[in-house]
């Protein structure tokens, strides 16, 4: 059975079904305490670089190119990526947690697909 990886907003109430929760934003979410968020790990080193993030936010229609560039950044961070993957492998269910409103076009869904392929 393939391991389950989910994506959820940090503002949604934590659920025991979330399993191991990994926060995947560079900056901590406003108005949420770390205790209330029940985060097992914070993968801020696997978020898009400031340069890439700003470039994308200038024109979000560049999503395909953003994804391509972000995946290249993830490949350049193999040590951090492998460390997270090894940590995730020890949990049956994992939930990536983000403050991002857009769960379809943001970096978190790209990271979800990237990690899911490697687990």
N, C-alpha and C. Protein backbone atom coordinates (compact mmCIF):
# COMPACT_ATOMS: atom_id res chain seq x y z
N UNK A 1 0.84 -1.18 0.00
CA UNK A 1 0.00 0.00 0.00
C UNK A 1 0.88 1.25 0.00
N UNK A 2 0.58 2.18 -0.89
CA UNK A 2 1.36 3.41 -1.01
C UNK A 2 1.09 4.31 0.20
N UNK A 3 2.16 4.90 0.76
CA UNK A 3 1.97 5.81 1.90
C UNK A 3 1.11 7.00 1.51
N UNK A 4 0.33 7.47 2.44
CA UNK A 4 -0.55 8.60 2.22
C UNK A 4 0.13 9.90 2.58
N UNK A 5 0.06 10.87 1.66
CA UNK A 5 0.55 12.21 1.95
C UNK A 5 -0.60 13.16 1.61
N UNK A 6 -0.93 14.00 2.55
CA UNK A 6 -2.04 14.93 2.37
C UNK A 6 -1.52 16.36 2.40
N UNK A 7 -2.38 17.27 2.01
CA UNK A 7 -2.09 18.70 2.07
C UNK A 7 -3.25 19.38 2.77
N UNK A 8 -2.92 20.26 3.71
CA UNK A 8 -3.94 20.90 4.52
C UNK A 8 -3.47 22.29 4.92
N UNK A 9 -4.41 23.20 5.12
CA UNK A 9 -4.06 24.53 5.62
C UNK A 9 -3.84 24.48 7.12
N UNK A 10 -2.90 25.26 7.59
CA UNK A 10 -2.58 25.28 9.02
C UNK A 10 -3.73 25.86 9.84
N UNK A 11 -4.59 26.63 9.20
CA UNK A 11 -5.72 27.23 9.89
C UNK A 11 -6.87 26.24 10.10
N UNK A 12 -6.79 25.08 9.46
CA UNK A 12 -7.76 24.01 9.70
C UNK A 12 -7.35 23.27 10.97
N UNK A 13 -8.32 22.87 11.73
CA UNK A 13 -8.04 22.20 13.00
C UNK A 13 -7.26 20.90 12.77
N UNK A 14 -6.19 20.68 13.55
CA UNK A 14 -5.46 19.40 13.43
C UNK A 14 -6.38 18.23 13.76
N UNK A 15 -6.16 17.14 13.07
CA UNK A 15 -6.99 15.94 13.22
C UNK A 15 -6.06 14.76 13.47
N UNK A 16 -6.43 13.84 14.34
CA UNK A 16 -5.58 12.66 14.54
C UNK A 16 -5.30 11.88 13.24
N UNK A 17 -6.20 11.98 12.27
CA UNK A 17 -6.00 11.31 10.98
C UNK A 17 -4.90 11.97 10.14
N UNK A 18 -4.42 13.15 10.56
CA UNK A 18 -3.36 13.83 9.82
C UNK A 18 -2.03 13.08 9.89
N UNK A 19 -1.85 12.30 10.92
CA UNK A 19 -0.58 11.62 11.10
C UNK A 19 0.52 12.62 11.42
N UNK A 20 1.68 12.45 10.80
CA UNK A 20 2.84 13.32 11.01
C UNK A 20 2.65 14.59 10.20
N UNK A 21 2.64 15.74 10.88
CA UNK A 21 2.37 17.02 10.22
C UNK A 21 3.67 17.79 10.00
N UNK A 22 3.88 18.23 8.75
CA UNK A 22 5.08 18.98 8.37
C UNK A 22 4.66 20.34 7.83
N UNK A 23 5.13 21.40 8.47
CA UNK A 23 4.84 22.75 8.01
C UNK A 23 5.80 23.07 6.87
N UNK A 24 5.26 23.54 5.73
CA UNK A 24 6.07 23.70 4.52
C UNK A 24 6.11 25.15 4.01
N UNK A 25 6.09 26.11 4.91
CA UNK A 25 6.23 27.52 4.56
C UNK A 25 7.50 28.06 5.21
N UNK A 26 8.06 29.09 4.61
CA UNK A 26 9.30 29.69 5.15
C UNK A 26 9.04 30.48 6.43
N UNK A 27 7.92 31.20 6.48
CA UNK A 27 7.58 32.00 7.65
C UNK A 27 6.43 31.35 8.40
N UNK A 28 6.46 31.47 9.73
CA UNK A 28 5.40 30.87 10.54
C UNK A 28 4.08 31.59 10.28
N UNK A 29 2.99 30.85 10.34
CA UNK A 29 1.64 31.37 10.10
C UNK A 29 1.20 32.31 11.22
N UNK A 30 0.60 33.41 10.83
CA UNK A 30 0.10 34.37 11.80
C UNK A 30 -1.07 33.80 12.58
N UNK A 31 -1.08 34.08 13.88
CA UNK A 31 -2.21 33.74 14.71
C UNK A 31 -2.33 32.27 15.10
N UNK A 32 -1.32 31.46 14.80
CA UNK A 32 -1.36 30.04 15.14
C UNK A 32 -0.14 29.72 15.99
N UNK A 33 -0.37 29.16 17.16
CA UNK A 33 0.78 28.77 17.99
C UNK A 33 1.32 27.44 17.49
N UNK A 34 2.59 27.23 17.73
CA UNK A 34 3.22 25.98 17.32
C UNK A 34 2.60 24.78 18.04
N UNK A 35 2.21 25.00 19.29
CA UNK A 35 1.59 23.92 20.06
C UNK A 35 0.23 23.55 19.47
N UNK A 36 -0.57 24.56 19.15
CA UNK A 36 -1.91 24.31 18.60
C UNK A 36 -1.83 23.67 17.21
N UNK A 37 -0.78 23.96 16.46
CA UNK A 37 -0.65 23.43 15.10
C UNK A 37 -0.22 21.96 15.08
N UNK A 38 0.32 21.48 16.19
CA UNK A 38 0.77 20.08 16.30
C UNK A 38 1.67 19.68 15.12
N UNK A 39 2.72 20.45 14.92
CA UNK A 39 3.66 20.23 13.83
C UNK A 39 4.79 19.32 14.31
N UNK A 40 5.09 18.29 13.52
CA UNK A 40 6.19 17.39 13.84
C UNK A 40 7.51 17.84 13.26
N UNK A 41 7.46 18.59 12.17
CA UNK A 41 8.68 19.10 11.52
C UNK A 41 8.32 20.38 10.75
N UNK A 42 9.35 21.21 10.54
CA UNK A 42 9.19 22.44 9.79
C UNK A 42 10.22 22.42 8.67
N UNK A 43 9.77 22.28 7.44
CA UNK A 43 10.65 22.14 6.28
C UNK A 43 10.83 23.47 5.56
N UNK A 44 11.20 24.51 6.28
CA UNK A 44 11.33 25.83 5.66
C UNK A 44 12.46 25.88 4.64
N UNK A 45 13.45 25.00 4.77
CA UNK A 45 14.55 24.97 3.80
C UNK A 45 14.14 24.39 2.45
N UNK A 46 12.95 23.81 2.38
CA UNK A 46 12.46 23.24 1.12
C UNK A 46 11.41 24.12 0.44
N UNK A 47 11.30 25.34 0.88
CA UNK A 47 10.38 26.29 0.24
C UNK A 47 11.10 26.99 -0.90
N UNK A 48 10.37 27.60 -1.81
CA UNK A 48 11.02 28.33 -2.91
C UNK A 48 11.92 29.44 -2.39
N UNK A 49 12.99 29.70 -3.11
CA UNK A 49 13.88 30.81 -2.74
C UNK A 49 13.08 32.11 -2.78
N UNK A 50 13.58 33.11 -2.06
CA UNK A 50 12.91 34.42 -2.08
C UNK A 50 12.81 34.96 -3.50
N UNK A 51 13.88 34.81 -4.26
CA UNK A 51 13.90 35.29 -5.65
C UNK A 51 12.80 34.63 -6.47
N UNK A 52 12.68 33.30 -6.37
CA UNK A 52 11.67 32.58 -7.15
C UNK A 52 10.26 32.92 -6.67
N UNK A 53 10.09 33.00 -5.37
CA UNK A 53 8.77 33.32 -4.81
C UNK A 53 8.30 34.70 -5.29
N UNK A 54 9.18 35.69 -5.22
CA UNK A 54 8.82 37.04 -5.65
C UNK A 54 8.54 37.08 -7.16
N UNK A 55 9.35 36.36 -7.93
CA UNK A 55 9.16 36.29 -9.38
C UNK A 55 7.77 35.73 -9.71
N UNK A 56 7.37 34.67 -9.02
CA UNK A 56 6.07 34.05 -9.27
C UNK A 56 4.93 34.97 -8.86
N UNK A 57 5.06 35.62 -7.72
CA UNK A 57 3.97 36.48 -7.23
C UNK A 57 3.78 37.73 -8.09
N UNK A 58 4.78 38.11 -8.86
CA UNK A 58 4.63 39.22 -9.80
C UNK A 58 3.64 38.87 -10.91
N UNK A 59 3.60 37.58 -11.27
CA UNK A 59 2.72 37.12 -12.36
C UNK A 59 2.43 35.64 -12.16
N UNK A 60 1.32 35.35 -11.49
CA UNK A 60 0.99 33.95 -11.17
C UNK A 60 0.58 33.13 -12.39
N UNK A 61 0.45 33.76 -13.53
CA UNK A 61 0.14 32.98 -14.75
C UNK A 61 1.36 32.17 -15.20
N UNK A 62 2.52 32.44 -14.60
CA UNK A 62 3.74 31.70 -14.95
C UNK A 62 3.88 30.41 -14.13
N UNK A 63 2.78 29.82 -13.76
CA UNK A 63 2.82 28.66 -12.86
C UNK A 63 3.65 27.51 -13.40
N UNK A 64 3.53 27.19 -14.68
CA UNK A 64 4.29 26.06 -15.25
C UNK A 64 5.79 26.31 -15.13
N UNK A 65 6.23 27.50 -15.44
CA UNK A 65 7.65 27.84 -15.34
C UNK A 65 8.07 27.89 -13.88
N UNK A 66 7.19 28.38 -13.00
CA UNK A 66 7.47 28.39 -11.57
C UNK A 66 7.71 26.96 -11.07
N UNK A 67 6.82 26.05 -11.46
CA UNK A 67 6.97 24.66 -11.03
C UNK A 67 8.30 24.08 -11.51
N UNK A 68 8.64 24.33 -12.74
CA UNK A 68 9.91 23.84 -13.30
C UNK A 68 11.10 24.37 -12.50
N UNK A 69 11.09 25.65 -12.22
CA UNK A 69 12.20 26.27 -11.48
C UNK A 69 12.24 25.79 -10.03
N UNK A 70 11.08 25.63 -9.42
CA UNK A 70 11.03 25.15 -8.03
C UNK A 70 11.53 23.72 -7.94
N UNK A 71 11.16 22.87 -8.87
CA UNK A 71 11.65 21.50 -8.88
C UNK A 71 13.17 21.46 -9.03
N UNK A 72 13.72 22.37 -9.81
CA UNK A 72 15.18 22.45 -9.94
C UNK A 72 15.81 22.85 -8.60
N UNK A 73 15.18 23.78 -7.89
CA UNK A 73 15.68 24.15 -6.57
C UNK A 73 15.63 22.97 -5.61
N UNK A 74 14.56 22.20 -5.66
CA UNK A 74 14.47 21.03 -4.79
C UNK A 74 15.57 20.02 -5.09
N UNK A 75 15.86 19.82 -6.36
CA UNK A 75 16.93 18.90 -6.75
C UNK A 75 18.29 19.39 -6.24
N UNK A 76 18.48 20.69 -6.18
CA UNK A 76 19.73 21.26 -5.68
C UNK A 76 19.86 21.11 -4.17
N UNK A 77 18.76 20.82 -3.50
CA UNK A 77 18.75 20.67 -2.03
C UNK A 77 18.58 19.21 -1.65
N UNK A 78 19.32 18.34 -2.30
CA UNK A 78 19.17 16.89 -2.10
C UNK A 78 19.33 16.47 -0.64
N UNK A 79 20.27 17.05 0.07
CA UNK A 79 20.48 16.67 1.47
C UNK A 79 19.25 16.91 2.31
N UNK A 80 18.69 18.10 2.20
CA UNK A 80 17.50 18.45 2.96
C UNK A 80 16.29 17.62 2.51
N UNK A 81 16.19 17.42 1.20
CA UNK A 81 15.07 16.66 0.65
C UNK A 81 15.11 15.22 1.15
N UNK A 82 16.27 14.60 1.07
CA UNK A 82 16.40 13.20 1.51
C UNK A 82 16.16 13.06 3.01
N UNK A 83 16.61 14.04 3.79
CA UNK A 83 16.38 13.99 5.23
C UNK A 83 14.88 14.00 5.53
N UNK A 84 14.13 14.85 4.84
CA UNK A 84 12.68 14.89 5.06
C UNK A 84 12.03 13.59 4.59
N UNK A 85 12.42 13.10 3.44
CA UNK A 85 11.84 11.85 2.92
C UNK A 85 12.09 10.71 3.90
N UNK A 86 13.29 10.61 4.43
CA UNK A 86 13.60 9.55 5.39
C UNK A 86 12.76 9.68 6.64
N UNK A 87 12.54 10.91 7.09
CA UNK A 87 11.68 11.14 8.25
C UNK A 87 10.23 10.75 7.95
N UNK A 88 9.75 11.10 6.76
CA UNK A 88 8.37 10.80 6.39
C UNK A 88 8.13 9.30 6.24
N UNK A 89 9.14 8.57 5.81
CA UNK A 89 8.99 7.13 5.61
C UNK A 89 8.64 6.39 6.89
N UNK A 90 8.93 6.97 8.03
CA UNK A 90 8.65 6.29 9.30
C UNK A 90 7.21 6.48 9.76
N UNK A 91 6.41 7.19 8.98
CA UNK A 91 5.02 7.46 9.35
C UNK A 91 4.09 6.97 8.24
N UNK A 92 3.03 6.28 8.64
CA UNK A 92 2.07 5.76 7.65
C UNK A 92 1.32 6.89 6.95
N UNK A 93 0.91 7.89 7.72
CA UNK A 93 0.16 9.01 7.15
C UNK A 93 0.93 10.29 7.45
N UNK A 94 1.03 11.14 6.44
CA UNK A 94 1.74 12.39 6.57
C UNK A 94 0.86 13.51 6.02
N UNK A 95 0.96 14.68 6.62
CA UNK A 95 0.21 15.84 6.14
C UNK A 95 1.15 17.02 6.02
N UNK A 96 1.25 17.55 4.81
CA UNK A 96 1.97 18.80 4.61
C UNK A 96 1.00 19.92 4.97
N UNK A 97 1.47 20.86 5.76
CA UNK A 97 0.61 21.92 6.27
C UNK A 97 1.18 23.25 5.81
N UNK A 98 0.29 24.12 5.31
CA UNK A 98 0.70 25.41 4.77
C UNK A 98 -0.29 26.50 5.16
N UNK A 99 0.20 27.73 5.19
CA UNK A 99 -0.68 28.87 5.41
C UNK A 99 -1.21 29.40 4.09
N UNK A 100 -0.68 28.91 2.99
CA UNK A 100 -1.08 29.36 1.66
C UNK A 100 -2.56 29.14 1.43
N UNK A 101 -3.23 30.14 0.87
CA UNK A 101 -4.66 30.02 0.57
C UNK A 101 -4.89 29.13 -0.66
N UNK A 102 -4.00 29.21 -1.61
CA UNK A 102 -4.16 28.48 -2.87
C UNK A 102 -3.47 27.12 -2.80
N UNK A 103 -4.26 26.09 -2.55
CA UNK A 103 -3.71 24.73 -2.46
C UNK A 103 -3.58 24.07 -3.82
N UNK A 104 -3.95 24.77 -4.88
CA UNK A 104 -3.88 24.21 -6.22
C UNK A 104 -2.64 24.70 -6.97
N UNK A 105 -2.31 25.97 -6.84
CA UNK A 105 -1.23 26.56 -7.62
C UNK A 105 0.00 26.95 -6.82
N UNK A 106 -0.02 26.81 -5.53
CA UNK A 106 1.11 27.22 -4.71
C UNK A 106 2.23 26.19 -4.69
N UNK A 107 3.30 26.54 -4.00
CA UNK A 107 4.46 25.65 -3.93
C UNK A 107 4.17 24.36 -3.16
N UNK A 108 3.23 24.42 -2.22
CA UNK A 108 2.98 23.25 -1.37
C UNK A 108 2.46 22.06 -2.16
N UNK A 109 1.63 22.28 -3.16
CA UNK A 109 1.12 21.17 -3.97
C UNK A 109 2.23 20.59 -4.85
N UNK A 110 3.15 21.43 -5.29
CA UNK A 110 4.30 20.95 -6.06
C UNK A 110 5.19 20.09 -5.17
N UNK A 111 5.43 20.56 -3.95
CA UNK A 111 6.23 19.79 -2.99
C UNK A 111 5.55 18.48 -2.65
N UNK A 112 4.23 18.50 -2.49
CA UNK A 112 3.47 17.28 -2.22
C UNK A 112 3.69 16.23 -3.31
N UNK A 113 3.55 16.64 -4.57
CA UNK A 113 3.77 15.70 -5.68
C UNK A 113 5.22 15.21 -5.72
N UNK A 114 6.15 16.10 -5.49
CA UNK A 114 7.57 15.76 -5.50
C UNK A 114 7.87 14.70 -4.45
N UNK A 115 7.40 14.93 -3.23
CA UNK A 115 7.66 13.99 -2.15
C UNK A 115 6.92 12.66 -2.35
N UNK A 116 5.68 12.74 -2.81
CA UNK A 116 4.88 11.54 -3.02
C UNK A 116 5.54 10.58 -4.01
N UNK A 117 6.17 11.13 -5.04
CA UNK A 117 6.85 10.30 -6.04
C UNK A 117 8.06 9.58 -5.45
N UNK A 118 8.65 10.14 -4.41
CA UNK A 118 9.87 9.59 -3.84
C UNK A 118 9.65 8.73 -2.60
N UNK A 119 8.45 8.68 -2.12
CA UNK A 119 8.17 7.86 -0.93
C UNK A 119 7.83 6.43 -1.31
